[in-house]
Structures are given as structure tokens and as C-alpha cells.
Amino acid sequence: MLNPVRRKLAIAVTSAASLGALFAGSSLIRDNSARAQDNPSTTANPAQGKVSAPAQLSENEQQSLDGLAGIFRKVGKHVEPAVVQLNVRKSAKASRPPGYDDMLRRFFPDRNGDGEPDLPEGFGDNGGEDQIQQGTGSGVVMEVNGSDAYILTNNHVAGGATEMLIILADGRRIEGGTVLGTDPKTDLAVVKIKADGLTAAPWGDSDKLEKGDWIMAFGSPFGYVGSMTHGIVSALNRRAGILGAQGYENFIQVDAPINPGNSGGPLVNTRGEVVGINTAIASRSGGFQGIGFAIPSNQAKFVYTALKNNGKVVRGWLGVKISDVAQEPEKARTFGYQGGEGVLVEETFKDTPATGKLQNGDIVTALAGRPVKNVQELRNTIAATPPGTDLKMTVFRDGKNADVTVKIGEQPEDLMQAAVGGKGPGGEAAAHADQNTGKIFGMTLVTPTEELAKEFALGETKQGALVTAVERNSAADKADLNKGDVITRVFNEDVLTAKQAVEAIKKADQSKPIRLYVANSEGSRFVAIKPHGS
């Protein structure tokens, strides 16, 4: 569920965005009251009705401000020649307005049973024709090889382009850019152009960024070519929910304005190095409201290299469903794990790299000796690991730490399909046909039948206790159990029927959370249910 702020804010992936704000540090400008003490001759005299003169900066303070401005000027001159504007044309299927097809059916019934209204010849055909969309974004030249230049930008800027006009910093207009590859999972794309006299921007190390660091953003907000803005790093490793379940998000959050036109432009540190690629904004209006997002350069460099050399990104893959320990620590406690960070393996898919190596209930605490805090870190690390690599993982299993070596596989194109097609094996016992039911902690349980399995799309899950109803505000409801879930295990005890599930739950220690293993049409997971009063 989105938090209240997320519900109110729209995450806008702009094909143009800009960052900017003006800052004055307390070390550079003193408070006026302090100045009044330093300069008593300029202080207001209420009795005489006089107003104090404006406070003047000291020579050192003025030099500090000039020095900061000098840094911005130097960075601008260093980076701007590598920044480009992209004007893109794309074709897209026209969409009919809501209710249009229903209106047609009222006047032109479906007489031949094909599900579509029988229209007179030539009527309404334009509904399926391609329409041309135009957009403007930014990009940055990251490599030059003779007259070949390679531009990094956003997928939502260049992806699907049928025509492209690229305007260089010196005003030259280049047509015929080639999209070498796109990666929707990170919203990045690489474009190749031919032009002489170009310079590339240098890569920076986004892992060295800290909250409060100065950053500058370049691009073409609202089409204003050559714009530069500045601000600070507001936060790191942010998820914005704009790239979908299969996307890789660990955005740099900045307070500099991002507006339509900046997307794809570089985010730069005070050394003039590219530390990010501007991508999106959080906004109620669609314009800048103080929260901008950029893809970290270390992630962008990995994707850039793969797209430039191979036209696609090949990522590592484990084949597991995972969750953050920090978000549901009570679930981890049922395994005896006392740590506050790590990644819980909810489900392992069969015929994947994880098969026979990782187990449901393992808590991954480190990869190659480096601690893992959350799902985001694990996913990003595995994705950046070349397939075929033997990766040592430290897991908490059966009350102690253990090292497991997994040979990383290649991530399939469709992760959701891979998960659906790779469900772990069911119980070894034959399916029970009895229709017994049970009720506990506000949930109604039924032993699955063939009919119920089809109704709830249970797939291979033929045994266990099917949840058919959940009372509101009950212990089951608070544990996020839902209609269609199937309880297959209580702690380490397999359950094949609703009766077995109720009996296993009742004999568990009612003073502590009870761990259930639950499956449904979307996969499997652990649930920690709190008995009333526990």
C-alpha cells in the first residue's frame, strides 16, 4: 500500500526535466542580528525612527561565495559541450476515448459474432491507425571514437524512436541517430551519432555520493537548450515505483528542480563527473516540486556498456522470491533470527540456479562477504553479476550462519512468467479428496478440491488449507492473509488438509507469532500470524 505522501504525489517520468535551487550556507552569510553586534553604527534606532543599513559581506565571505560560484562556472564549461537535446518522433496506436466502442455497438450491433460492432465500410477505421508522437529530452555524450559519439539517455526519451533530431551544444543539428539498445528495466538507452569535434563527459563514482553533496543537472527543461541547475543530494537508494515490479530502482533523490526536458541529462558532481542520469520527478502538478530522481552512474555505466557492446543487458539471476527482514522482523524471528537487516527467501523456483542451493526460509545476510541490507541491494548485486559466476552467499539457516555457493544464471526476459512456470514441487503425499473445513483466527479454511483449485487458479498447489473467507480486523486479516491463499505448512510441519492446519496452529505456542507458509496464484511466502493477546 502506498503511503499518504505517495498517494498524493504523482511520479512523473518526463521526457524533459530540470533541477535547480539557490542555496546560501550559514558559514557564508551570518544572521543579521549577529551583524548588528559587529556593526553597531548600522543598527536601527527606534527612538530616532532610523532603519539600519544593509549588512555588508566581509572580504572572506565574499571570496567564499565567489569561490562557490567559480566551481559552478567551471563545471558548466567542462560538462556542457557533452550535453545534447533529443527531439524524437514515435509512432503509437491511436486509442479511442472511453465508451467509444460501447457507443458504436449501440448503433452498429455485432451481427457476425466476432465481438466487434459491424461498421459501414470506411467508418471508424482510424481508431487503429498509427499516430505520431513527438517529444523532447536530453542526453550526454559518454564516449567518442573518431567521428562516432555515444549518447546515454532515458529509454522513455529514445526508446521506440522512428525519427530523431539531435541538437549539439554548439548548435549543430544531427539527423539519423541510431538507437543501439534500450533497457526498460532501468529506463536507459544508448544512441550513436556521427559528428566531429565532440567531447565526452567523464564517469563519476555514484557510490561515493553522500546526503548533502552538491550536484548540478544539465538538460533542456521545456526546450531551453543548455540549461544548468544545482542543488544537493537529498537521499540515496530511493524507490519511486515507476519502473514496475521487474524494474531496478535505487534512485538518487535531489532537491534541484527537474522539469519536462531534463530527462536523460547528466547529474554531475563538483568535479564535473557524471554521477547520475536525470529520470523522473515526484509532483502533483507535473512540474518541479522539490523531489527529483536520477539513476546512479554506477548502475548506468553497467547498462551503458552492455547496450553499446551487445544491444541488450544480460543480467544475473537466482530464481527466488524474497522479502526484506526489516519490513517484517517478526517473521524473521520465527526462524530464530535476531538481526534487523537481511533478505528472507520466501520461495525458490524449480530448475533455477537457486534449486538445491537455497531453501525457503533462508535469510541472506551477505554476498561475497559483503553485508546485504535489503531486497534492493540483493537484486542489484545479482543482476550485475555475470551469468556463470560462482557467488558465495552467507545465509542464516537452522539457527546458524552457513556459506552457500550458487552459480548465477542468466535472467529470463519475463521474470513473472519464469516464476509462474517454476513453482516448487508440491507435497509428496497423495492429494486428499475430503471436504473438511475449519475456522481459526478469523479465517475459514477448506481442503482444496479440483473445482476450488480451478476457481482460485491454484495451479500445482493441490494440498493444504484454502482460505475462503477472512473476517475484518481479525488476526488473519492483520497478518495479511487473503481469500485464495493456501496454508501448506505451519512452522516446519506440512499440512495437507484444513483440519491438519487448524490442529497444527492450535498446538503451536499461542504466546508468540505463528509462522505459516502460504501459496496462491502469484507464488509463495511466509506469514507470521499473531494469536489474540500475544
Protein backbone atom coordinates (compact mmCIF):
# COMPACT_ATOMS: atom_id res chain seq x y z
CA MET A 1 0.00 0.00 0.00
CA LEU A 2 1.24 3.45 -0.89
CA ASN A 3 1.90 5.78 2.00
CA PRO A 4 -0.15 9.01 2.26
CA VAL A 5 2.52 11.08 0.57
CA ARG A 6 2.87 8.60 -2.29
CA ARG A 7 -0.87 8.62 -2.80
CA LYS A 8 -0.90 12.37 -3.21
CA LEU A 9 2.19 12.67 -5.38
CA ALA A 10 2.31 11.63 -9.00
CA ILE A 11 5.64 10.20 -10.09
CA ALA A 12 6.17 11.85 -13.45
CA VAL A 13 8.57 10.26 -15.91
CA THR A 14 9.23 13.32 -18.01
CA SER A 15 10.63 13.47 -21.48
CA ALA A 16 12.18 16.66 -20.23
CA ALA A 17 13.23 17.63 -16.65
CA SER A 18 15.37 20.18 -14.78
CA LEU A 19 16.99 20.65 -11.42
CA GLY A 20 17.67 23.89 -9.60
CA ALA A 21 17.60 25.86 -6.37
CA LEU A 22 19.56 28.64 -4.73
CA PHE A 23 21.38 27.93 -1.52
CA ALA A 24 23.25 30.10 0.99
CA GLY A 25 25.14 28.30 3.75
CA SER A 26 25.22 29.64 7.27
CA SER A 27 29.02 29.61 7.04
CA LEU A 28 28.81 32.09 4.15
CA ILE A 29 26.19 34.56 5.38
CA ARG A 30 25.70 35.45 9.04
CA ASP A 31 22.46 36.25 10.74
CA ASN A 32 21.52 39.93 10.63
CA SER A 33 21.37 40.11 14.42
CA ALA A 34 24.99 39.00 14.62
CA ARG A 35 25.91 41.63 12.07
CA ALA A 36 24.19 44.27 14.14
CA GLN A 37 26.51 43.44 17.02
CA ASP A 38 29.55 43.56 14.75
CA ASN A 39 28.44 46.85 13.20
CA PRO A 40 26.66 48.91 15.89
CA SER A 41 26.73 52.03 13.73
CA THR A 42 24.29 50.42 11.30
CA THR A 43 21.81 49.21 13.90
CA ALA A 44 18.30 50.72 13.83
CA ASN A 45 17.49 53.37 16.46
CA PRO A 46 13.78 53.08 17.23
CA ALA A 47 13.75 56.42 19.08
CA GLN A 48 15.01 58.28 16.01
CA GLY A 49 12.97 56.19 13.56
CA LYS A 50 16.06 55.19 11.60
CA VAL A 51 16.49 51.88 9.78
CA SER A 52 19.82 50.08 9.82
CA ALA A 53 21.88 49.94 6.67
CA PRO A 54 22.08 46.59 4.83
CA ALA A 55 24.72 44.31 6.26
CA GLN A 56 27.83 44.01 4.12
CA LEU A 57 29.71 40.80 3.42
CA SER A 58 33.24 40.64 4.72
CA GLU A 59 36.03 40.12 2.22
CA ASN A 60 36.44 36.48 3.28
CA GLU A 61 32.72 35.82 2.95
CA GLN A 62 32.61 37.42 -0.49
CA GLN A 63 35.58 35.32 -1.58
CA SER A 64 33.81 32.19 -0.32
CA LEU A 65 30.72 32.98 -2.37
CA ASP A 66 32.81 33.84 -5.44
CA GLY A 67 34.71 30.58 -4.99
CA LEU A 68 31.49 28.55 -4.92
CA ALA A 69 30.17 30.33 -7.99
CA GLY A 70 33.51 29.70 -9.66
CA ILE A 71 33.10 25.97 -9.13
CA PHE A 72 29.68 26.04 -10.79
CA ARG A 73 31.08 28.05 -13.71
CA LYS A 74 33.97 25.64 -14.24
CA VAL A 75 31.76 22.58 -14.07
CA GLY A 76 29.35 24.16 -16.54
CA LYS A 77 32.08 24.91 -19.06
CA HIS A 78 33.51 21.42 -18.62
CA VAL A 79 30.27 19.43 -18.98
CA GLU A 80 28.04 21.49 -21.27
CA PRO A 81 29.82 20.55 -24.54
CA ALA A 82 28.85 16.91 -23.93
CA VAL A 83 25.13 17.61 -23.31
CA VAL A 84 22.68 17.24 -26.19
CA GLN A 85 18.99 17.75 -26.85
CA LEU A 86 16.98 14.94 -28.45
CA ASN A 87 13.86 15.67 -30.49
CA VAL A 88 12.12 12.38 -31.12
CA ARG A 89 9.19 11.18 -33.18
CA LYS A 90 7.48 7.88 -32.33
CA SER A 91 4.52 6.05 -33.78
CA ALA A 92 1.83 4.74 -31.46
CA LYS A 93 -1.55 3.14 -31.93
CA ALA A 94 -4.41 5.57 -31.57
CA SER A 95 -6.63 4.92 -28.59
CA ARG A 96 -10.37 5.50 -28.73
CA PRO A 97 -11.91 7.58 -25.95
CA PRO A 98 -13.63 5.77 -23.05
CA GLY A 99 -17.06 4.47 -24.01
CA TYR A 100 -16.44 4.90 -27.75
CA ASP A 101 -16.76 1.19 -28.58
CA ASP A 102 -19.91 0.87 -26.44
CA MET A 103 -21.43 3.77 -28.34
CA LEU A 104 -20.64 2.09 -31.67
CA ARG A 105 -22.27 -1.16 -30.53
CA ARG A 106 -25.49 0.71 -29.75
CA PHE A 107 -25.79 1.86 -33.37
CA PHE A 108 -23.95 -0.97 -35.16
CA PRO A 109 -24.69 -4.34 -33.46
CA ASP A 110 -22.40 -7.35 -33.72
CA ARG A 111 -24.24 -9.47 -36.28
CA ASN A 112 -21.47 -11.89 -37.25
CA GLY A 113 -20.44 -12.80 -33.70
CA ASP A 114 -16.83 -11.61 -33.80
CA GLY A 115 -17.21 -9.40 -30.74
CA GLU A 116 -16.86 -6.16 -32.74
CA PRO A 117 -19.55 -3.77 -34.00
CA ASP A 118 -20.36 -4.18 -37.71
CA LEU A 119 -19.30 -0.79 -39.08
CA PRO A 120 -20.04 0.56 -42.53
CA GLU A 121 -17.06 0.43 -44.88
CA GLY A 122 -14.51 3.14 -44.04
CA PHE A 123 -16.29 4.13 -40.82
CA GLY A 124 -14.14 4.34 -37.68
CA ASP A 125 -11.06 2.73 -39.26
CA ASN A 126 -8.79 5.49 -37.97
CA GLY A 127 -9.16 4.06 -34.47
CA GLY A 128 -6.45 1.52 -35.22
CA GLU A 129 -4.09 3.64 -37.27
CA ASP A 130 -0.69 4.70 -36.01
CA GLN A 131 -0.35 8.20 -34.61
CA ILE A 132 2.86 10.19 -34.47
CA GLN A 133 4.03 11.36 -31.05
CA GLN A 134 6.74 13.98 -30.60
CA GLY A 135 8.87 14.52 -27.53
CA THR A 136 11.96 16.34 -26.32
CA GLY A 137 14.57 15.10 -23.90
CA SER A 138 18.25 15.32 -23.13
CA GLY A 139 21.29 13.10 -23.28
CA VAL A 140 25.02 13.16 -22.60
CA VAL A 141 27.94 12.05 -24.75
CA MET A 142 29.81 9.44 -22.71
CA GLU A 143 32.29 8.22 -25.33
CA VAL A 144 33.87 9.50 -28.55
CA ASN A 145 35.74 7.34 -31.04
CA GLY A 146 36.79 9.41 -34.02
CA SER A 147 33.59 10.73 -35.56
CA ASP A 148 31.45 8.22 -33.65
CA ALA A 149 29.84 9.51 -30.47
CA TYR A 150 27.77 7.50 -27.99
CA ILE A 151 24.97 9.22 -26.11
CA LEU A 152 23.39 7.95 -22.89
CA THR A 153 19.76 8.95 -22.34
CA ASN A 154 16.47 7.57 -21.00
CA ASN A 155 14.56 4.75 -22.62
CA HIS A 156 11.39 6.81 -22.32
CA VAL A 157 13.12 9.50 -24.39
CA ALA A 158 14.72 7.46 -27.19
CA GLY A 159 13.03 4.07 -27.00
CA GLY A 160 10.82 3.32 -30.00
CA ALA A 161 12.02 6.37 -31.93
CA THR A 162 11.26 6.38 -35.65
CA GLU A 163 12.93 9.74 -36.27
CA MET A 164 15.48 11.63 -34.23
CA LEU A 165 16.99 15.11 -34.42
CA ILE A 166 19.88 15.74 -32.06
CA ILE A 167 20.98 19.30 -31.28
CA LEU A 168 24.55 19.61 -30.04
CA ALA A 169 25.78 22.17 -27.53
CA ASP A 170 27.37 24.23 -30.33
CA GLY A 171 24.07 24.39 -32.21
CA ARG A 172 24.75 21.75 -34.83
CA ARG A 173 21.76 19.63 -35.80
CA ILE A 174 22.41 15.93 -36.36
CA GLU A 175 19.87 13.66 -38.02
CA GLY A 176 19.95 9.90 -38.34
CA GLY A 177 20.93 8.89 -34.81
CA THR A 178 20.86 5.12 -34.23
CA VAL A 179 19.40 3.58 -31.09
CA LEU A 180 21.90 0.83 -30.22
CA GLY A 181 19.79 -0.60 -27.42
CA THR A 182 17.25 0.15 -24.72
CA ASP A 183 16.69 -1.19 -21.21
CA PRO A 184 13.18 -0.54 -19.83
CA LYS A 185 14.13 -2.15 -16.50
CA THR A 186 16.41 0.82 -15.74
CA ASP A 187 14.88 3.32 -18.21
CA LEU A 188 18.15 3.79 -20.12
CA ALA A 189 19.07 3.86 -23.80
CA VAL A 190 22.21 4.38 -25.89
CA VAL A 191 22.20 6.36 -29.15
CA LYS A 192 25.05 6.53 -31.66
CA ILE A 193 25.65 9.57 -33.86
CA LYS A 194 28.36 10.72 -36.27
CA ALA A 195 29.84 14.17 -35.68
CA ASP A 196 33.31 15.67 -35.46
CA GLY A 197 34.79 17.71 -32.64
CA LEU A 198 32.73 16.26 -29.78
CA THR A 199 33.98 15.68 -26.25
CA ALA A 200 32.74 13.11 -23.74
CA ALA A 201 31.77 13.71 -20.14
CA PRO A 202 33.74 11.67 -17.56
CA TRP A 203 32.13 9.00 -15.41
CA GLY A 204 31.90 9.57 -11.67
CA ASP A 205 31.51 7.11 -8.81
CA SER A 206 27.94 7.32 -7.50
CA ASP A 207 28.83 5.06 -4.57
CA LYS A 208 30.84 7.95 -3.11
CA LEU A 209 27.83 10.27 -3.00
CA GLU A 210 26.53 11.28 0.39
CA LYS A 211 23.44 13.15 1.51
CA GLY A 212 24.18 16.87 1.35
CA ASP A 213 26.67 16.72 -1.54
CA TRP A 214 26.39 19.49 -4.11
CA ILE A 215 25.14 18.34 -7.53
CA MET A 216 24.38 20.05 -10.84
CA ALA A 217 21.92 18.96 -13.51
CA PHE A 218 22.08 19.67 -17.23
CA GLY A 219 19.50 19.39 -19.97
CA SER A 220 16.75 21.15 -21.88
CA PRO A 221 13.86 21.86 -19.50
CA PHE A 222 10.82 22.96 -21.50
CA GLY A 223 13.11 23.03 -24.55
CA TYR A 224 15.54 25.60 -23.15
CA VAL A 225 18.74 24.10 -24.50
CA GLY A 226 21.89 24.29 -22.42
CA SER A 227 20.26 24.80 -19.02
CA MET A 228 22.17 24.09 -15.83
CA THR A 229 20.73 23.95 -12.32
CA HIS A 230 22.09 22.94 -8.94
CA GLY A 231 21.10 21.55 -5.55
CA ILE A 232 22.11 18.85 -3.12
CA VAL A 233 21.67 15.10 -2.74
CA SER A 234 18.54 14.72 -0.61
CA ALA A 235 18.66 10.93 -0.22
CA LEU A 236 20.11 7.78 -1.76
CA ASN A 237 18.73 4.37 -2.77
CA ARG A 238 15.19 5.60 -3.28
CA ARG A 239 12.40 3.53 -4.81
CA ALA A 240 9.80 5.55 -6.69
CA GLY A 241 7.67 2.77 -8.14
CA ILE A 242 7.90 4.00 -11.74
CA LEU A 243 9.66 1.04 -13.39
CA GLY A 244 7.27 -1.72 -12.37
CA ALA A 245 7.83 -4.95 -10.47
CA GLN A 246 10.67 -6.03 -12.76
CA GLY A 247 12.46 -2.67 -12.71
CA TYR A 248 15.67 -1.82 -10.89
CA GLU A 249 15.28 1.32 -8.81
CA ASN A 250 17.87 2.77 -6.45
CA PHE A 251 17.50 6.42 -7.39
CA ILE A 252 19.48 9.39 -6.19
CA GLN A 253 16.95 11.87 -4.78
CA VAL A 254 17.82 15.53 -5.35
CA ASP A 255 16.12 18.76 -4.36
CA ALA A 256 17.15 20.52 -7.54
CA PRO A 257 14.19 21.10 -9.90
CA ILE A 258 13.51 18.51 -12.59
CA ASN A 259 11.11 19.64 -15.28
CA PRO A 260 9.96 18.34 -18.66
CA GLY A 261 13.03 18.34 -20.92
CA ASN A 262 15.74 17.34 -18.43
CA SER A 263 15.12 13.60 -18.69
CA GLY A 264 18.24 11.82 -19.89
CA GLY A 265 20.54 14.70 -19.00
CA PRO A 266 23.51 14.24 -16.66
CA LEU A 267 23.63 14.78 -12.92
CA VAL A 268 27.14 16.00 -12.13
CA ASN A 269 29.28 16.43 -9.00
CA THR A 270 31.57 19.37 -8.25
CA ARG A 271 34.42 17.59 -10.07
CA GLY A 272 32.46 17.72 -13.29
CA GLU A 273 31.87 13.94 -13.28
CA VAL A 274 28.59 12.29 -14.25
CA VAL A 275 27.16 10.67 -11.12
CA GLY A 276 23.62 10.13 -12.39
CA ILE A 277 21.11 10.39 -15.23
CA ASN A 278 18.06 12.58 -14.58
CA THR A 279 14.92 10.48 -14.92
CA ALA A 280 11.78 11.49 -13.04
CA ILE A 281 10.04 13.83 -10.63
CA ALA A 282 7.52 13.44 -7.83
CA SER A 283 4.91 16.09 -8.44
CA ARG A 284 1.23 16.97 -8.04
CA SER A 285 1.33 19.34 -10.99
CA GLY A 286 3.71 17.59 -13.39
CA GLY A 287 6.38 20.24 -12.75
CA PHE A 288 9.14 20.64 -10.18
CA GLN A 289 8.07 20.41 -6.54
CA GLY A 290 11.32 19.66 -4.80
CA ILE A 291 11.81 15.95 -5.40
CA GLY A 292 13.76 14.70 -8.39
CA PHE A 293 15.23 11.28 -9.18
CA ALA A 294 18.36 10.25 -11.05
CA ILE A 295 19.77 6.84 -11.95
CA PRO A 296 23.16 6.32 -10.20
CA SER A 297 26.13 6.39 -12.56
CA ASN A 298 27.48 3.03 -11.42
CA GLN A 299 24.23 1.37 -12.44
CA ALA A 300 24.04 3.45 -15.62
CA LYS A 301 27.62 2.57 -16.61
CA PHE A 302 26.90 -1.15 -16.40
CA VAL A 303 23.80 -0.76 -18.60
CA TYR A 304 25.53 1.67 -20.99
CA THR A 305 28.41 -0.76 -21.62
CA ALA A 306 26.05 -3.68 -22.24
CA LEU A 307 23.80 -1.73 -24.63
CA LYS A 308 26.71 -0.22 -26.55
CA ASN A 309 28.52 -3.53 -26.99
CA ASN A 310 25.65 -6.03 -27.23
CA GLY A 311 22.44 -4.08 -27.79
CA LYS A 312 20.89 -5.62 -24.68
CA VAL A 313 21.57 -6.14 -20.98
CA VAL A 314 22.36 -9.64 -19.75
CA ARG A 315 21.70 -9.88 -16.01
CA GLY A 316 22.41 -12.46 -13.38
CA TRP A 317 19.55 -14.43 -11.83
CA LEU A 318 18.90 -16.62 -8.78
CA GLY A 319 15.31 -17.75 -9.20
CA VAL A 320 13.84 -16.83 -5.83
CA LYS A 321 11.05 -14.77 -4.31
CA ILE A 322 12.39 -12.59 -1.49
CA SER A 323 11.34 -10.01 1.09
CA ASP A 324 13.00 -7.52 3.46
CA VAL A 325 13.66 -8.65 7.02
CA ALA A 326 13.45 -5.03 8.20
CA GLN A 327 9.87 -4.67 6.96
CA GLU A 328 8.56 -7.76 8.78
CA PRO A 329 11.06 -8.58 11.55
CA GLU A 330 8.58 -10.77 13.42
CA LYS A 331 8.55 -13.18 10.52
CA ALA A 332 12.35 -13.49 10.73
CA ARG A 333 12.12 -14.00 14.50
CA THR A 334 10.11 -17.17 13.94
CA PHE A 335 13.26 -18.63 12.37
CA GLY A 336 15.34 -17.61 15.39
CA TYR A 337 16.99 -14.75 13.52
CA GLN A 338 17.63 -11.71 15.71
CA GLY A 339 19.19 -9.38 13.13
CA GLY A 340 17.44 -6.28 11.86
CA GLU A 341 18.58 -6.48 8.23
CA GLY A 342 18.85 -9.14 5.56
CA VAL A 343 16.70 -10.80 2.91
CA LEU A 344 14.26 -13.65 3.56
CA VAL A 345 13.90 -16.30 0.84
CA GLU A 346 10.14 -16.75 0.58
CA GLU A 347 10.18 -19.20 -2.31
CA THR A 348 12.69 -20.96 -4.55
CA PHE A 349 11.65 -21.79 -8.11
CA LYS A 350 12.50 -25.20 -9.50
CA ASP A 351 15.04 -25.65 -12.29
CA THR A 352 16.77 -22.35 -11.45
CA PRO A 353 20.22 -21.53 -10.02
CA ALA A 354 18.72 -21.50 -6.52
CA THR A 355 17.40 -25.06 -6.80
CA GLY A 356 19.17 -27.30 -4.31
CA LYS A 357 21.28 -24.41 -3.01
CA LEU A 358 18.90 -22.07 -1.26
CA GLN A 359 15.94 -23.11 0.87
CA ASN A 360 12.66 -21.46 1.69
CA GLY A 361 13.24 -19.68 4.99
CA ASP A 362 16.93 -18.92 4.40
CA ILE A 363 17.89 -15.38 5.39
CA VAL A 364 20.62 -14.00 3.13
CA THR A 365 22.95 -11.77 5.13
CA ALA A 366 25.96 -11.35 2.80
CA LEU A 367 27.07 -11.74 -0.82
CA ALA A 368 30.76 -12.44 -1.42
CA GLY A 369 31.46 -11.34 2.14
CA ARG A 370 29.67 -8.01 1.77
CA PRO A 371 26.62 -7.47 4.04
CA VAL A 372 23.23 -7.33 2.35
CA LYS A 373 20.69 -4.99 3.94
CA ASN A 374 17.61 -5.40 1.80
CA VAL A 375 15.96 -6.78 -1.32
CA GLN A 376 17.07 -3.83 -3.41
CA GLU A 377 20.75 -4.44 -2.67
CA LEU A 378 20.47 -8.16 -3.33
CA ARG A 379 18.61 -7.72 -6.64
CA ASN A 380 21.03 -5.10 -7.91
CA THR A 381 24.08 -7.15 -6.92
CA ILE A 382 22.79 -10.35 -8.51
CA ALA A 383 21.73 -8.52 -11.67
CA ALA A 384 25.22 -7.04 -12.09
CA THR A 385 26.91 -10.44 -11.57
CA PRO A 386 27.79 -12.13 -14.90
CA PRO A 387 25.94 -15.41 -15.53
CA GLY A 388 28.16 -18.40 -14.81
CA THR A 389 29.82 -16.74 -11.82
CA ASP A 390 30.12 -18.79 -8.63
CA LEU A 391 28.85 -16.46 -5.92
CA LYS A 392 29.32 -17.21 -2.23
CA MET A 393 26.29 -16.32 -0.15
CA THR A 394 26.04 -16.26 3.63
CA VAL A 395 22.64 -17.39 4.90
CA PHE A 396 21.06 -17.87 8.30
CA ARG A 397 19.65 -21.40 8.33
CA ASP A 398 18.59 -23.73 11.16
CA GLY A 399 19.72 -21.28 13.80
CA LYS A 400 23.23 -20.64 12.49
CA ASN A 401 25.11 -18.99 9.62
CA ALA A 402 26.17 -21.08 6.64
CA ASP A 403 28.01 -20.35 3.40
CA VAL A 404 26.35 -21.44 0.16
CA THR A 405 27.90 -21.13 -3.31
CA VAL A 406 25.45 -20.55 -6.16
CA LYS A 407 26.32 -20.46 -9.87
CA ILE A 408 24.48 -17.40 -11.13
CA GLY A 409 22.23 -17.96 -14.14
CA GLU A 410 21.02 -15.64 -16.90
CA GLN A 411 17.88 -13.68 -16.15
CA PRO A 412 14.97 -14.58 -18.45
CA GLU A 413 13.22 -11.83 -20.36
CA ASP A 414 9.94 -12.28 -18.50
CA LEU A 415 10.56 -12.80 -14.79
CA MET A 416 6.88 -13.18 -13.97
CA GLN A 417 6.45 -16.00 -16.46
CA ALA A 418 9.61 -17.68 -15.19
CA ALA A 419 8.23 -17.57 -11.66
CA VAL A 420 4.83 -18.95 -12.68
CA GLY A 421 6.46 -21.72 -14.70
CA GLY A 422 8.93 -22.57 -11.96
CA LYS A 423 6.85 -23.32 -8.91
CA GLY A 424 8.50 -25.55 -6.39
CA PRO A 425 7.30 -29.14 -6.10
CA GLY A 426 4.20 -29.87 -4.04
CA GLY A 427 3.89 -32.35 -1.16
CA GLU A 428 4.81 -35.98 -1.70
CA ALA A 429 1.59 -37.40 -0.24
CA ALA A 430 -1.38 -38.09 -2.45
CA ALA A 431 -4.00 -35.36 -2.64
CA HIS A 432 -6.81 -35.67 -0.14
CA ALA A 433 -10.28 -35.51 -1.54
CA ASP A 434 -12.08 -34.86 1.74
CA GLN A 435 -14.05 -31.66 2.07
CA ASN A 436 -13.31 -30.91 5.74
CA THR A 437 -13.33 -27.31 6.86
CA GLY A 438 -12.04 -25.36 9.80
CA LYS A 439 -12.02 -21.91 11.29
CA ILE A 440 -9.32 -20.20 13.32
CA PHE A 441 -8.05 -16.66 13.93
CA GLY A 442 -10.88 -15.24 11.82
CA MET A 443 -10.23 -17.25 8.67
CA THR A 444 -12.32 -20.02 7.17
CA LEU A 445 -10.29 -22.94 5.82
CA VAL A 446 -11.29 -25.62 3.31
CA THR A 447 -9.33 -28.55 1.93
CA PRO A 448 -8.74 -27.78 -1.80
CA THR A 449 -10.64 -29.74 -4.44
CA GLU A 450 -10.14 -29.78 -8.21
CA GLU A 451 -13.01 -27.32 -8.58
CA LEU A 452 -11.61 -24.96 -5.95
CA ALA A 453 -8.13 -25.22 -7.46
CA LYS A 454 -9.53 -24.04 -10.80
CA GLU A 455 -11.68 -21.32 -9.22
CA PHE A 456 -8.73 -19.80 -7.34
CA ALA A 457 -6.13 -20.56 -10.05
CA LEU A 458 -4.01 -22.54 -7.61
CA GLY A 459 -2.01 -24.30 -10.31
CA GLU A 460 0.14 -27.05 -8.77
CA THR A 461 -0.97 -26.27 -5.21
CA LYS A 462 -3.41 -29.12 -4.66
CA GLN A 463 -2.96 -29.69 -0.92
CA GLY A 464 -3.19 -27.63 2.23
CA ALA A 465 -5.84 -25.38 3.75
CA LEU A 466 -7.51 -22.96 1.36
CA VAL A 467 -8.60 -19.64 2.88
CA THR A 468 -12.13 -18.97 1.64
CA ALA A 469 -13.03 -16.07 3.96
CA VAL A 470 -11.26 -13.64 6.31
CA GLU A 471 -13.03 -11.61 8.98
CA ARG A 472 -12.18 -7.95 9.07
CA ASN A 473 -9.73 -6.87 11.81
CA SER A 474 -9.12 -10.50 12.77
CA ALA A 475 -5.66 -11.90 13.47
CA ALA A 476 -5.66 -13.41 9.97
CA ASP A 477 -6.63 -10.08 8.43
CA LYS A 478 -3.89 -8.25 10.33
CA ALA A 479 -1.37 -10.84 9.10
CA ASP A 480 -2.42 -10.02 5.50
CA LEU A 481 -3.95 -13.42 4.80
CA ASN A 482 -6.43 -13.27 1.95
CA LYS A 483 -9.11 -15.29 0.27
CA GLY A 484 -7.36 -17.64 -2.16
CA ASP A 485 -4.28 -18.19 0.00
CA VAL A 486 -3.41 -21.82 0.77
CA ILE A 487 -1.62 -22.70 4.02
CA THR A 488 0.79 -25.53 3.21
CA ARG A 489 2.96 -25.54 6.34
CA VAL A 490 2.79 -24.47 9.98
CA PHE A 491 6.32 -23.82 11.16
CA ASN A 492 8.12 -26.89 9.75
CA GLU A 493 5.07 -29.19 9.66
CA ASP A 494 3.45 -29.84 6.29
CA VAL A 495 -0.35 -29.68 6.30
CA LEU A 496 -2.43 -31.43 3.65
CA THR A 497 -5.95 -30.53 4.81
CA ALA A 498 -7.84 -27.78 6.55
CA LYS A 499 -8.21 -29.99 9.62
CA GLN A 500 -4.46 -30.58 9.84
CA ALA A 501 -3.82 -26.84 9.52
CA VAL A 502 -6.18 -25.97 12.38
CA GLU A 503 -4.70 -28.69 14.61
CA ALA A 504 -1.12 -27.60 13.88
CA ILE A 505 -1.93 -23.96 14.60
CA LYS A 506 -3.69 -24.82 17.85
CA LYS A 507 -0.78 -26.85 19.22
CA ALA A 508 1.73 -24.06 18.49
CA ASP A 509 2.83 -21.70 21.27
CA GLN A 510 -0.01 -19.15 21.37
CA SER A 511 2.12 -16.57 23.17
CA LYS A 512 4.33 -15.99 20.14
CA PRO A 513 3.76 -15.30 16.42
CA ILE A 514 2.99 -18.49 14.47
CA ARG A 515 4.77 -18.96 11.16
CA LEU A 516 2.72 -20.16 8.20
CA TYR A 517 3.88 -20.93 4.68
CA VAL A 518 1.27 -19.73 2.22
CA ALA A 519 0.83 -20.18 -1.53
CA ASN A 520 -1.51 -18.56 -4.04
CA SER A 521 -1.73 -17.90 -7.77
CA GLU A 522 1.11 -15.36 -7.53
CA GLY A 523 3.63 -17.51 -5.63
CA SER A 524 4.51 -18.45 -2.05
CA ARG A 525 5.51 -16.54 1.06
CA PHE A 526 5.92 -16.77 4.82
CA VAL A 527 3.33 -15.20 7.13
CA ALA A 528 3.67 -14.56 10.86
CA ILE A 529 0.24 -14.52 12.45
CA LYS A 530 -0.21 -13.19 15.97
CA PRO A 531 -2.70 -15.05 18.17
CA HIS A 532 -5.08 -12.75 20.03
CA GLY A 533 -3.39 -11.35 23.11
CA SER A 534 0.14 -12.33 22.07
